[in-house]
Full PDB file with SEQRES, HELIX, SHEET, SSBOND, CRYST1, ORIGX, SCALE, CONECT and MASTER records, all heavy atoms in Angstrom:
SEQRES   1 A   40  THR VAL ASN LEU MET ILE ASP ASN LEU ARG PRO GLU ASP          
SEQRES   2 A   40  THR ALA VAL TYR TYR CYS ALA ALA ASP PHE ARG ALA TRP          
SEQRES   3 A   40  CYS PRO ASP GLN ALA ASP PRO ASP PHE GLU TYR TRP GLY          
SEQRES   4 A   40  GLN                                                          
HELIX    1 AA1 PRO A   11  ASP A   13  5                                   3    
SHEET    1 AA1 2 ALA A  20  ALA A  21  0                                        
SHEET    2 AA1 2 TYR A  37  TRP A  38 -1                                        
CRYST1    1.000    1.000    1.000  90.00  90.00  90.00 P 1           1          
ORIGX1      1.000000  0.000000  0.000000        0.00000                         
ORIGX2      0.000000  1.000000  0.000000        0.00000                         
ORIGX3      0.000000  0.000000  1.000000        0.00000                         
SCALE1      1.000000  0.000000  0.000000        0.00000                         
SCALE2      0.000000  1.000000  0.000000        0.00000                         
SCALE3      0.000000  0.000000  1.000000        0.00000                         
ATOM      1  N   THR A   1      -1.128  25.328  18.351  1.00  0.00           N  
ATOM      2  CA  THR A   1      -1.032  23.902  18.604  1.00  0.00           C  
ATOM      3  C   THR A   1      -2.327  23.196  18.221  1.00  0.00           C  
ATOM      4  O   THR A   1      -3.419  23.704  18.484  1.00  0.00           O  
ATOM      5  CB  THR A   1      -0.731  23.633  20.087  1.00  0.00           C  
ATOM      6  OG1 THR A   1       0.530  24.225  20.431  1.00  0.00           O  
ATOM      7  CG2 THR A   1      -0.674  22.143  20.369  1.00  0.00           C  
ATOM      8  N   VAL A   2      -2.194  22.050  17.597  1.00  0.00           N  
ATOM      9  CA  VAL A   2      -3.318  21.181  17.293  1.00  0.00           C  
ATOM     10  C   VAL A   2      -3.011  19.811  17.869  1.00  0.00           C  
ATOM     11  O   VAL A   2      -1.954  19.243  17.604  1.00  0.00           O  
ATOM     12  CB  VAL A   2      -3.580  21.090  15.782  1.00  0.00           C  
ATOM     13  CG1 VAL A   2      -4.776  20.180  15.509  1.00  0.00           C  
ATOM     14  CG2 VAL A   2      -3.832  22.471  15.204  1.00  0.00           C  
ATOM     15  N   ASN A   3      -3.950  19.294  18.646  1.00  0.00           N  
ATOM     16  CA  ASN A   3      -3.749  18.018  19.309  1.00  0.00           C  
ATOM     17  C   ASN A   3      -4.558  16.917  18.641  1.00  0.00           C  
ATOM     18  O   ASN A   3      -5.579  17.164  18.005  1.00  0.00           O  
ATOM     19  CB  ASN A   3      -4.149  18.105  20.777  1.00  0.00           C  
ATOM     20  CG  ASN A   3      -3.281  19.058  21.569  1.00  0.00           C  
ATOM     21  OD1 ASN A   3      -2.086  19.196  21.290  1.00  0.00           O  
ATOM     22  ND2 ASN A   3      -3.860  19.712  22.559  1.00  0.00           N  
ATOM     23  N   LEU A   4      -4.097  15.708  18.823  1.00  0.00           N  
ATOM     24  CA  LEU A   4      -4.827  14.522  18.405  1.00  0.00           C  
ATOM     25  C   LEU A   4      -4.791  13.525  19.548  1.00  0.00           C  
ATOM     26  O   LEU A   4      -3.713  13.170  20.028  1.00  0.00           O  
ATOM     27  CB  LEU A   4      -4.201  13.894  17.155  1.00  0.00           C  
ATOM     28  CG  LEU A   4      -4.923  12.664  16.606  1.00  0.00           C  
ATOM     29  CD1 LEU A   4      -6.194  13.081  15.872  1.00  0.00           C  
ATOM     30  CD2 LEU A   4      -4.011  11.864  15.679  1.00  0.00           C  
ATOM     31  N   MET A   5      -5.966  13.090  19.988  1.00  0.00           N  
ATOM     32  CA  MET A   5      -6.059  12.070  21.016  1.00  0.00           C  
ATOM     33  C   MET A   5      -6.702  10.824  20.437  1.00  0.00           C  
ATOM     34  O   MET A   5      -7.711  10.910  19.737  1.00  0.00           O  
ATOM     35  CB  MET A   5      -6.869  12.563  22.219  1.00  0.00           C  
ATOM     36  CG  MET A   5      -6.199  13.646  23.024  1.00  0.00           C  
ATOM     37  SD  MET A   5      -7.011  13.916  24.627  1.00  0.00           S  
ATOM     38  CE  MET A   5      -8.663  14.336  24.083  1.00  0.00           C  
ATOM     39  N   ILE A   6      -6.113   9.694  20.729  1.00  0.00           N  
ATOM     40  CA  ILE A   6      -6.652   8.413  20.308  1.00  0.00           C  
ATOM     41  C   ILE A   6      -6.864   7.567  21.550  1.00  0.00           C  
ATOM     42  O   ILE A   6      -5.927   7.342  22.321  1.00  0.00           O  
ATOM     43  CB  ILE A   6      -5.723   7.685  19.324  1.00  0.00           C  
ATOM     44  CG1 ILE A   6      -5.458   8.562  18.097  1.00  0.00           C  
ATOM     45  CG2 ILE A   6      -6.334   6.356  18.899  1.00  0.00           C  
ATOM     46  CD1 ILE A   6      -4.436   7.984  17.145  1.00  0.00           C  
ATOM     47  N   ASP A   7      -8.084   7.105  21.726  1.00  0.00           N  
ATOM     48  CA  ASP A   7      -8.434   6.266  22.865  1.00  0.00           C  
ATOM     49  C   ASP A   7      -8.267   4.799  22.519  1.00  0.00           C  
ATOM     50  O   ASP A   7      -8.342   4.397  21.352  1.00  0.00           O  
ATOM     51  CB  ASP A   7      -9.886   6.515  23.286  1.00  0.00           C  
ATOM     52  CG  ASP A   7     -10.149   7.931  23.733  1.00  0.00           C  
ATOM     53  OD1 ASP A   7      -9.246   8.555  24.322  1.00  0.00           O  
ATOM     54  OD2 ASP A   7     -11.276   8.428  23.494  1.00  0.00           O  
ATOM     55  N   ASN A   8      -8.070   3.995  23.555  1.00  0.00           N  
ATOM     56  CA  ASN A   8      -8.064   2.544  23.414  1.00  0.00           C  
ATOM     57  C   ASN A   8      -7.147   2.096  22.282  1.00  0.00           C  
ATOM     58  O   ASN A   8      -7.573   1.441  21.326  1.00  0.00           O  
ATOM     59  CB  ASN A   8      -9.489   2.035  23.191  1.00  0.00           C  
ATOM     60  CG  ASN A   8      -9.607   0.536  23.329  1.00  0.00           C  
ATOM     61  OD1 ASN A   8      -8.782  -0.108  23.979  1.00  0.00           O  
ATOM     62  ND2 ASN A   8     -10.630  -0.043  22.704  1.00  0.00           N  
ATOM     63  N   LEU A   9      -5.891   2.430  22.404  1.00  0.00           N  
ATOM     64  CA  LEU A   9      -4.921   2.109  21.364  1.00  0.00           C  
ATOM     65  C   LEU A   9      -4.872   0.624  21.071  1.00  0.00           C  
ATOM     66  O   LEU A   9      -4.957  -0.215  21.975  1.00  0.00           O  
ATOM     67  CB  LEU A   9      -3.535   2.597  21.756  1.00  0.00           C  
ATOM     68  CG  LEU A   9      -3.285   4.097  21.611  1.00  0.00           C  
ATOM     69  CD1 LEU A   9      -1.991   4.484  22.302  1.00  0.00           C  
ATOM     70  CD2 LEU A   9      -3.242   4.489  20.139  1.00  0.00           C  
ATOM     71  N   ARG A  10      -4.717   0.302  19.811  1.00  0.00           N  
ATOM     72  CA  ARG A  10      -4.628  -1.064  19.325  1.00  0.00           C  
ATOM     73  C   ARG A  10      -3.339  -1.244  18.537  1.00  0.00           C  
ATOM     74  O   ARG A  10      -2.787  -0.271  18.025  1.00  0.00           O  
ATOM     75  CB  ARG A  10      -5.823  -1.380  18.419  1.00  0.00           C  
ATOM     76  CG  ARG A  10      -7.179  -1.115  19.045  1.00  0.00           C  
ATOM     77  CD  ARG A  10      -8.280  -1.167  18.001  1.00  0.00           C  
ATOM     78  NE  ARG A  10      -9.590  -0.898  18.575  1.00  0.00           N  
ATOM     79  CZ  ARG A  10     -10.687  -0.713  17.864  1.00  0.00           C  
ATOM     80  NH1 ARG A  10     -10.643  -0.785  16.532  1.00  0.00           N  
ATOM     81  NH2 ARG A  10     -11.840  -0.472  18.471  1.00  0.00           N  
ATOM     82  N   PRO A  11      -2.851  -2.473  18.409  1.00  0.00           N  
ATOM     83  CA  PRO A  11      -1.654  -2.687  17.589  1.00  0.00           C  
ATOM     84  C   PRO A  11      -1.810  -2.162  16.166  1.00  0.00           C  
ATOM     85  O   PRO A  11      -0.824  -1.719  15.570  1.00  0.00           O  
ATOM     86  CB  PRO A  11      -1.492  -4.209  17.606  1.00  0.00           C  
ATOM     87  CG  PRO A  11      -2.087  -4.621  18.910  1.00  0.00           C  
ATOM     88  CD  PRO A  11      -3.258  -3.691  19.118  1.00  0.00           C  
ATOM     89  N   GLU A  12      -3.018  -2.192  15.633  1.00  0.00           N  
ATOM     90  CA  GLU A  12      -3.267  -1.696  14.287  1.00  0.00           C  
ATOM     91  C   GLU A  12      -3.074  -0.188  14.172  1.00  0.00           C  
ATOM     92  O   GLU A  12      -3.025   0.337  13.055  1.00  0.00           O  
ATOM     93  CB  GLU A  12      -4.689  -2.045  13.834  1.00  0.00           C  
ATOM     94  CG  GLU A  12      -5.025  -3.521  13.926  1.00  0.00           C  
ATOM     95  CD  GLU A  12      -5.597  -3.883  15.282  1.00  0.00           C  
ATOM     96  OE1 GLU A  12      -6.807  -3.650  15.499  1.00  0.00           O  
ATOM     97  OE2 GLU A  12      -4.836  -4.395  16.132  1.00  0.00           O  
ATOM     98  N   ASP A  13      -2.979   0.508  15.292  1.00  0.00           N  
ATOM     99  CA  ASP A  13      -2.730   1.940  15.269  1.00  0.00           C  
ATOM    100  C   ASP A  13      -1.257   2.270  15.086  1.00  0.00           C  
ATOM    101  O   ASP A  13      -0.903   3.448  14.963  1.00  0.00           O  
ATOM    102  CB  ASP A  13      -3.232   2.588  16.557  1.00  0.00           C  
ATOM    103  CG  ASP A  13      -4.735   2.488  16.715  1.00  0.00           C  
ATOM    104  OD1 ASP A  13      -5.454   2.591  15.699  1.00  0.00           O  
ATOM    105  OD2 ASP A  13      -5.195   2.314  17.864  1.00  0.00           O  
ATOM    106  N   THR A  14      -0.401   1.273  15.079  1.00  0.00           N  
ATOM    107  CA  THR A  14       1.027   1.501  14.878  1.00  0.00           C  
ATOM    108  C   THR A  14       1.261   2.141  13.519  1.00  0.00           C  
ATOM    109  O   THR A  14       0.884   1.593  12.481  1.00  0.00           O  
ATOM    110  CB  THR A  14       1.803   0.188  14.979  1.00  0.00           C  
ATOM    111  OG1 THR A  14       1.685  -0.334  16.309  1.00  0.00           O  
ATOM    112  CG2 THR A  14       3.280   0.406  14.667  1.00  0.00           C  
ATOM    113  N   ALA A  15       1.875   3.305  13.521  1.00  0.00           N  
ATOM    114  CA  ALA A  15       2.087   4.060  12.293  1.00  0.00           C  
ATOM    115  C   ALA A  15       2.916   5.293  12.620  1.00  0.00           C  
ATOM    116  O   ALA A  15       3.139   5.632  13.788  1.00  0.00           O  
ATOM    117  CB  ALA A  15       0.756   4.475  11.663  1.00  0.00           C  
ATOM    118  N   VAL A  16       3.352   5.961  11.573  1.00  0.00           N  
ATOM    119  CA  VAL A  16       3.904   7.293  11.712  1.00  0.00           C  
ATOM    120  C   VAL A  16       2.756   8.280  11.564  1.00  0.00           C  
ATOM    121  O   VAL A  16       1.994   8.215  10.592  1.00  0.00           O  
ATOM    122  CB  VAL A  16       4.998   7.580  10.670  1.00  0.00           C  
ATOM    123  CG1 VAL A  16       5.515   9.005  10.814  1.00  0.00           C  
ATOM    124  CG2 VAL A  16       6.145   6.589  10.823  1.00  0.00           C  
ATOM    125  N   TYR A  17       2.630   9.175  12.511  1.00  0.00           N  
ATOM    126  CA  TYR A  17       1.549  10.145  12.519  1.00  0.00           C  
ATOM    127  C   TYR A  17       2.088  11.514  12.130  1.00  0.00           C  
ATOM    128  O   TYR A  17       3.096  11.974  12.665  1.00  0.00           O  
ATOM    129  CB  TYR A  17       0.900  10.206  13.904  1.00  0.00           C  
ATOM    130  CG  TYR A  17       0.033   9.006  14.191  1.00  0.00           C  
ATOM    131  CD1 TYR A  17       0.607   7.767  14.458  1.00  0.00           C  
ATOM    132  CD2 TYR A  17      -1.358   9.107  14.174  1.00  0.00           C  
ATOM    133  CE1 TYR A  17      -0.186   6.655  14.700  1.00  0.00           C  
ATOM    134  CE2 TYR A  17      -2.152   8.003  14.418  1.00  0.00           C  
ATOM    135  CZ  TYR A  17      -1.561   6.776  14.685  1.00  0.00           C  
ATOM    136  OH  TYR A  17      -2.351   5.682  14.930  1.00  0.00           O  
ATOM    137  N   TYR A  18       1.404  12.158  11.207  1.00  0.00           N  
ATOM    138  CA  TYR A  18       1.814  13.443  10.674  1.00  0.00           C  
ATOM    139  C   TYR A  18       0.729  14.492  10.894  1.00  0.00           C  
ATOM    140  O   TYR A  18      -0.459  14.195  10.775  1.00  0.00           O  
ATOM    141  CB  TYR A  18       2.055  13.364   9.166  1.00  0.00           C  
ATOM    142  CG  TYR A  18       3.100  12.376   8.720  1.00  0.00           C  
ATOM    143  CD1 TYR A  18       2.768  11.056   8.450  1.00  0.00           C  
ATOM    144  CD2 TYR A  18       4.417  12.772   8.544  1.00  0.00           C  
ATOM    145  CE1 TYR A  18       3.723  10.149   8.025  1.00  0.00           C  
ATOM    146  CE2 TYR A  18       5.377  11.878   8.115  1.00  0.00           C  
ATOM    147  CZ  TYR A  18       5.024  10.569   7.857  1.00  0.00           C  
ATOM    148  OH  TYR A  18       5.965   9.675   7.431  1.00  0.00           O  
ATOM    149  N   CYS A  19       1.136  15.707  11.177  1.00  0.00           N  
ATOM    150  CA  CYS A  19       0.217  16.820  11.054  1.00  0.00           C  
ATOM    151  C   CYS A  19       0.548  17.586   9.783  1.00  0.00           C  
ATOM    152  O   CYS A  19       1.675  17.533   9.274  1.00  0.00           O  
ATOM    153  CB  CYS A  19       0.243  17.744  12.277  1.00  0.00           C  
ATOM    154  SG  CYS A  19       1.789  18.618  12.580  1.00  0.00           S  
ATOM    155  N   ALA A  20      -0.448  18.270   9.252  1.00  0.00           N  
ATOM    156  CA  ALA A  20      -0.289  18.978   7.997  1.00  0.00           C  
ATOM    157  C   ALA A  20      -1.203  20.189   7.969  1.00  0.00           C  
ATOM    158  O   ALA A  20      -2.244  20.217   8.630  1.00  0.00           O  
ATOM    159  CB  ALA A  20      -0.603  18.053   6.816  1.00  0.00           C  
ATOM    160  N   ALA A  21      -0.812  21.192   7.204  1.00  0.00           N  
ATOM    161  CA  ALA A  21      -1.577  22.424   7.064  1.00  0.00           C  
ATOM    162  C   ALA A  21      -1.885  22.680   5.603  1.00  0.00           C  
ATOM    163  O   ALA A  21      -1.062  22.403   4.726  1.00  0.00           O  
ATOM    164  CB  ALA A  21      -0.805  23.602   7.657  1.00  0.00           C  
ATOM    165  N   ASP A  22      -3.073  23.218   5.356  1.00  0.00           N  
ATOM    166  CA  ASP A  22      -3.451  23.549   3.989  1.00  0.00           C  
ATOM    167  C   ASP A  22      -4.249  24.841   3.964  1.00  0.00           C  
ATOM    168  O   ASP A  22      -5.004  25.140   4.903  1.00  0.00           O  
ATOM    169  CB  ASP A  22      -4.264  22.417   3.361  1.00  0.00           C  
ATOM    170  CG  ASP A  22      -4.209  22.443   1.845  1.00  0.00           C  
ATOM    171  OD1 ASP A  22      -3.096  22.526   1.291  1.00  0.00           O  
ATOM    172  OD2 ASP A  22      -5.284  22.376   1.210  1.00  0.00           O  
ATOM    173  N   PHE A  23      -4.080  25.581   2.894  1.00  0.00           N  
ATOM    174  CA  PHE A  23      -4.709  26.890   2.725  1.00  0.00           C  
ATOM    175  C   PHE A  23      -6.171  26.703   2.339  1.00  0.00           C  
ATOM    176  O   PHE A  23      -6.533  26.707   1.159  1.00  0.00           O  
ATOM    177  CB  PHE A  23      -3.952  27.688   1.665  1.00  0.00           C  
ATOM    178  CG  PHE A  23      -4.383  29.121   1.531  1.00  0.00           C  
ATOM    179  CD1 PHE A  23      -4.023  30.052   2.489  1.00  0.00           C  
ATOM    180  CD2 PHE A  23      -5.136  29.541   0.451  1.00  0.00           C  
ATOM    181  CE1 PHE A  23      -4.403  31.380   2.382  1.00  0.00           C  
ATOM    182  CE2 PHE A  23      -5.522  30.869   0.323  1.00  0.00           C  
ATOM    183  CZ  PHE A  23      -5.156  31.788   1.292  1.00  0.00           C  
ATOM    184  N   ARG A  24      -7.001  26.500   3.333  1.00  0.00           N  
ATOM    185  CA  ARG A  24      -8.434  26.309   3.149  1.00  0.00           C  
ATOM    186  C   ARG A  24      -9.177  26.962   4.307  1.00  0.00           C  
ATOM    187  O   ARG A  24      -8.652  27.079   5.409  1.00  0.00           O  
ATOM    188  CB  ARG A  24      -8.826  24.830   3.117  1.00  0.00           C  
ATOM    189  CG  ARG A  24      -7.994  23.941   2.236  1.00  0.00           C  
ATOM    190  CD  ARG A  24      -8.551  22.530   2.262  1.00  0.00           C  
ATOM    191  NE  ARG A  24      -7.641  21.564   1.674  1.00  0.00           N  
ATOM    192  CZ  ARG A  24      -8.001  20.373   1.224  1.00  0.00           C  
ATOM    193  NH1 ARG A  24      -9.272  19.989   1.292  1.00  0.00           N  
ATOM    194  NH2 ARG A  24      -7.092  19.551   0.721  1.00  0.00           N  
ATOM    195  N   ALA A  25     -10.411  27.362   4.054  1.00  0.00           N  
ATOM    196  CA  ALA A  25     -11.257  27.899   5.115  1.00  0.00           C  
ATOM    197  C   ALA A  25     -12.010  26.796   5.844  1.00  0.00           C  
ATOM    198  O   ALA A  25     -12.311  26.935   7.033  1.00  0.00           O  
ATOM    199  CB  ALA A  25     -12.243  28.919   4.547  1.00  0.00           C  
ATOM    200  N   TRP A  26     -12.324  25.726   5.142  1.00  0.00           N  
ATOM    201  CA  TRP A  26     -13.102  24.634   5.690  1.00  0.00           C  
ATOM    202  C   TRP A  26     -12.422  23.308   5.422  1.00  0.00           C  
ATOM    203  O   TRP A  26     -11.713  23.151   4.433  1.00  0.00           O  
ATOM    204  CB  TRP A  26     -14.514  24.623   5.097  1.00  0.00           C  
ATOM    205  CG  TRP A  26     -15.267  25.882   5.348  1.00  0.00           C  
ATOM    206  CD1 TRP A  26     -15.423  26.929   4.496  1.00  0.00           C  
ATOM    207  CD2 TRP A  26     -15.959  26.238   6.548  1.00  0.00           C  
ATOM    208  NE1 TRP A  26     -16.161  27.918   5.085  1.00  0.00           N  
ATOM    209  CE2 TRP A  26     -16.515  27.522   6.352  1.00  0.00           C  
ATOM    210  CE3 TRP A  26     -16.166  25.593   7.775  1.00  0.00           C  
ATOM    211  CZ2 TRP A  26     -17.255  28.173   7.324  1.00  0.00           C  
ATOM    212  CZ3 TRP A  26     -16.902  26.238   8.753  1.00  0.00           C  
ATOM    213  CH2 TRP A  26     -17.442  27.513   8.520  1.00  0.00           C  
ATOM    214  N   CYS A  27     -12.692  22.361   6.284  1.00  0.00           N  
ATOM    215  CA  CYS A  27     -12.162  21.027   6.099  1.00  0.00           C  
ATOM    216  C   CYS A  27     -12.900  20.322   4.965  1.00  0.00           C  
ATOM    217  O   CYS A  27     -14.087  20.572   4.740  1.00  0.00           O  
ATOM    218  CB  CYS A  27     -12.286  20.214   7.379  1.00  0.00           C  
ATOM    219  SG  CYS A  27     -11.207  20.776   8.709  1.00  0.00           S  
ATOM    220  N   PRO A  28     -12.217  19.435   4.272  1.00  0.00           N  
ATOM    221  CA  PRO A  28     -12.879  18.703   3.191  1.00  0.00           C  
ATOM    222  C   PRO A  28     -13.935  17.754   3.722  1.00  0.00           C  
ATOM    223  O   PRO A  28     -13.879  17.311   4.872  1.00  0.00           O  
ATOM    224  CB  PRO A  28     -11.735  17.943   2.518  1.00  0.00           C  
ATOM    225  CG  PRO A  28     -10.695  17.815   3.585  1.00  0.00           C  
ATOM    226  CD  PRO A  28     -10.803  19.067   4.410  1.00  0.00           C  
ATOM    227  N   ASP A  29     -14.907  17.442   2.862  1.00  0.00           N  
ATOM    228  CA  ASP A  29     -15.983  16.539   3.260  1.00  0.00           C  
ATOM    229  C   ASP A  29     -15.542  15.083   3.280  1.00  0.00           C  
ATOM    230  O   ASP A  29     -16.181  14.249   3.922  1.00  0.00           O  
ATOM    231  CB  ASP A  29     -17.186  16.686   2.329  1.00  0.00           C  
ATOM    232  CG  ASP A  29     -17.890  18.012   2.491  1.00  0.00           C  
ATOM    233  OD1 ASP A  29     -17.855  18.580   3.598  1.00  0.00           O  
ATOM    234  OD2 ASP A  29     -18.488  18.485   1.506  1.00  0.00           O  
ATOM    235  N   GLN A  30     -14.480  14.781   2.573  1.00  0.00           N  
ATOM    236  CA  GLN A  30     -13.942  13.438   2.550  1.00  0.00           C  
ATOM    237  C   GLN A  30     -12.427  13.502   2.628  1.00  0.00           C  
ATOM    238  O   GLN A  30     -11.833  14.573   2.478  1.00  0.00           O  
ATOM    239  CB  GLN A  30     -14.388  12.686   1.298  1.00  0.00           C  
ATOM    240  CG  GLN A  30     -13.972  13.343  -0.003  1.00  0.00           C  
ATOM    241  CD  GLN A  30     -14.545  12.647  -1.217  1.00  0.00           C  
ATOM    242  OE1 GLN A  30     -15.286  11.671  -1.098  1.00  0.00           O  
ATOM    243  NE2 GLN A  30     -14.209  13.127  -2.396  1.00  0.00           N  
ATOM    244  N   ALA A  31     -11.810  12.359   2.863  1.00  0.00           N  
ATOM    245  CA  ALA A  31     -10.362  12.304   3.000  1.00  0.00           C  
ATOM    246  C   ALA A  31      -9.668  12.931   1.796  1.00  0.00           C  
ATOM    247  O   ALA A  31     -10.048  12.690   0.652  1.00  0.00           O  
ATOM    248  CB  ALA A  31      -9.910  10.862   3.175  1.00  0.00           C  
ATOM    249  N   ASP A  32      -8.659  13.721   2.083  1.00  0.00           N  
ATOM    250  CA  ASP A  32      -7.949  14.441   1.027  1.00  0.00           C  
ATOM    251  C   ASP A  32      -6.505  14.623   1.464  1.00  0.00           C  
ATOM    252  O   ASP A  32      -6.230  15.396   2.389  1.00  0.00           O  
ATOM    253  CB  ASP A  32      -8.617  15.784   0.768  1.00  0.00           C  
ATOM    254  CG  ASP A  32      -7.998  16.548  -0.392  1.00  0.00           C  
ATOM    255  OD1 ASP A  32      -7.034  16.050  -1.007  1.00  0.00           O  
ATOM    256  OD2 ASP A  32      -8.485  17.660  -0.687  1.00  0.00           O  
ATOM    257  N   PRO A  33      -5.564  13.949   0.809  1.00  0.00           N  
ATOM    258  CA  PRO A  33      -4.161  14.050   1.211  1.00  0.00           C  
ATOM    259  C   PRO A  33      -3.438  15.276   0.678  1.00  0.00           C  
ATOM    260  O   PRO A  33      -2.259  15.456   0.966  1.00  0.00           O  
ATOM    261  CB  PRO A  33      -3.557  12.767   0.613  1.00  0.00           C  
ATOM    262  CG  PRO A  33      -4.358  12.551  -0.630  1.00  0.00           C  
ATOM    263  CD  PRO A  33      -5.762  12.992  -0.291  1.00  0.00           C  
ATOM    264  N   ASP A  34      -4.119  16.118  -0.065  1.00  0.00           N  
ATOM    265  CA  ASP A  34      -3.487  17.256  -0.723  1.00  0.00           C  
ATOM    266  C   ASP A  34      -3.360  18.427   0.242  1.00  0.00           C  
ATOM    267  O   ASP A  34      -4.065  19.429   0.128  1.00  0.00           O  
ATOM    268  CB  ASP A  34      -4.265  17.637  -1.974  1.00  0.00           C  
ATOM    269  CG  ASP A  34      -3.529  18.657  -2.825  1.00  0.00           C  
ATOM    270  OD1 ASP A  34      -2.312  18.826  -2.652  1.00  0.00           O  
ATOM    271  OD2 ASP A  34      -4.182  19.291  -3.673  1.00  0.00           O  
ATOM    272  N   PHE A  35      -2.438  18.296   1.191  1.00  0.00           N  
ATOM    273  CA  PHE A  35      -2.117  19.360   2.122  1.00  0.00           C  
ATOM    274  C   PHE A  35      -0.744  19.918   1.794  1.00  0.00           C  
ATOM    275  O   PHE A  35       0.157  19.174   1.392  1.00  0.00           O  
ATOM    276  CB  PHE A  35      -2.143  18.846   3.564  1.00  0.00           C  
ATOM    277  CG  PHE A  35      -3.512  18.844   4.191  1.00  0.00           C  
ATOM    278  CD1 PHE A  35      -4.574  18.212   3.575  1.00  0.00           C  
ATOM    279  CD2 PHE A  35      -3.725  19.469   5.412  1.00  0.00           C  
ATOM    280  CE1 PHE A  35      -5.834  18.207   4.144  1.00  0.00           C  
ATOM    281  CE2 PHE A  35      -4.977  19.466   6.004  1.00  0.00           C  
ATOM    282  CZ  PHE A  35      -6.032  18.841   5.372  1.00  0.00           C  
ATOM    283  N   GLU A  36      -0.584  21.206   1.985  1.00  0.00           N  
ATOM    284  CA  GLU A  36       0.608  21.896   1.513  1.00  0.00           C  
ATOM    285  C   GLU A  36       1.831  21.665   2.388  1.00  0.00           C  
ATOM    286  O   GLU A  36       2.921  21.373   1.889  1.00  0.00           O  
ATOM    287  CB  GLU A  36       0.326  23.387   1.387  1.00  0.00           C  
ATOM    288  CG  GLU A  36       1.491  24.193   0.822  1.00  0.00           C  
ATOM    289  CD  GLU A  36       1.133  25.653   0.627  1.00  0.00           C  
ATOM    290  OE1 GLU A  36       0.010  26.059   1.012  1.00  0.00           O  
ATOM    291  OE2 GLU A  36       1.965  26.402   0.085  1.00  0.00           O  
ATOM    292  N   TYR A  37       1.669  21.830   3.686  1.00  0.00           N  
ATOM    293  CA  TYR A  37       2.797  21.748   4.608  1.00  0.00           C  
ATOM    294  C   TYR A  37       2.647  20.535   5.500  1.00  0.00           C  
ATOM    295  O   TYR A  37       1.547  20.227   5.969  1.00  0.00           O  
ATOM    296  CB  TYR A  37       2.892  23.008   5.463  1.00  0.00           C  
ATOM    297  CG  TYR A  37       3.111  24.268   4.677  1.00  0.00           C  
ATOM    298  CD1 TYR A  37       2.157  25.273   4.662  1.00  0.00           C  
ATOM    299  CD2 TYR A  37       4.280  24.458   3.950  1.00  0.00           C  
ATOM    300  CE1 TYR A  37       2.351  26.436   3.942  1.00  0.00           C  
ATOM    301  CE2 TYR A  37       4.482  25.618   3.229  1.00  0.00           C  
ATOM    302  CZ  TYR A  37       3.518  26.607   3.232  1.00  0.00           C  
ATOM    303  OH  TYR A  37       3.714  27.763   2.515  1.00  0.00           O  
ATOM    304  N   TRP A  38       3.781  19.888   5.759  1.00  0.00           N  
ATOM    305  CA  TRP A  38       3.789  18.648   6.533  1.00  0.00           C  
ATOM    306  C   TRP A  38       4.860  18.675   7.601  1.00  0.00           C  
ATOM    307  O   TRP A  38       5.948  19.227   7.400  1.00  0.00           O  
ATOM    308  CB  TRP A  38       4.046  17.444   5.616  1.00  0.00           C  
ATOM    309  CG  TRP A  38       2.920  17.187   4.674  1.00  0.00           C  
ATOM    310  CD1 TRP A  38       2.660  17.827   3.505  1.00  0.00           C  
ATOM    311  CD2 TRP A  38       1.892  16.206   4.832  1.00  0.00           C  
ATOM    312  NE1 TRP A  38       1.525  17.316   2.916  1.00  0.00           N  
ATOM    313  CE2 TRP A  38       1.037  16.322   3.709  1.00  0.00           C  
ATOM    314  CE3 TRP A  38       1.603  15.247   5.802  1.00  0.00           C  
ATOM    315  CZ2 TRP A  38      -0.080  15.507   3.544  1.00  0.00           C  
ATOM    316  CZ3 TRP A  38       0.497  14.437   5.640  1.00  0.00           C  
ATOM    317  CH2 TRP A  38      -0.330  14.566   4.521  1.00  0.00           C  
ATOM    318  N   GLY A  39       4.541  18.065   8.730  1.00  0.00           N  
ATOM    319  CA  GLY A  39       5.541  17.832   9.745  1.00  0.00           C  
ATOM    320  C   GLY A  39       6.380  16.623   9.411  1.00  0.00           C  
ATOM    321  O   GLY A  39       6.164  15.928   8.413  1.00  0.00           O  
ATOM    322  N   GLN A  40       7.351  16.360  10.264  1.00  0.00           N  
ATOM    323  CA  GLN A  40       8.277  15.259  10.018  1.00  0.00           C  
ATOM    324  C   GLN A  40       7.717  13.910  10.442  1.00  0.00           C  
ATOM    325  O   GLN A  40       8.258  12.867  10.067  1.00  0.00           O  
ATOM    326  CB  GLN A  40       9.598  15.518  10.750  1.00  0.00           C  
ATOM    327  CG  GLN A  40       9.604  15.158  12.232  1.00  0.00           C  
ATOM    328  CD  GLN A  40       8.787  16.098  13.105  1.00  0.00           C  
ATOM    329  OE1 GLN A  40       8.354  17.166  12.680  1.00  0.00           O  
ATOM    330  NE2 GLN A  40       8.574  15.695  14.360  1.00  0.00           N  
TER     331      GLN A  40                                                      
MASTER        0    0    0    1    2    0    0    6  330    1    0    4          
END                                                                             
């Protein structure tokens, strides 16, 4: 399980939130949408 907590929710946070998995040892240094597996 991987959790995500967001404090002090704002209307601008309205969105569909996805988790995703990618075959890497380390997280990227900058945003990278190239993840292999995605949730619904």
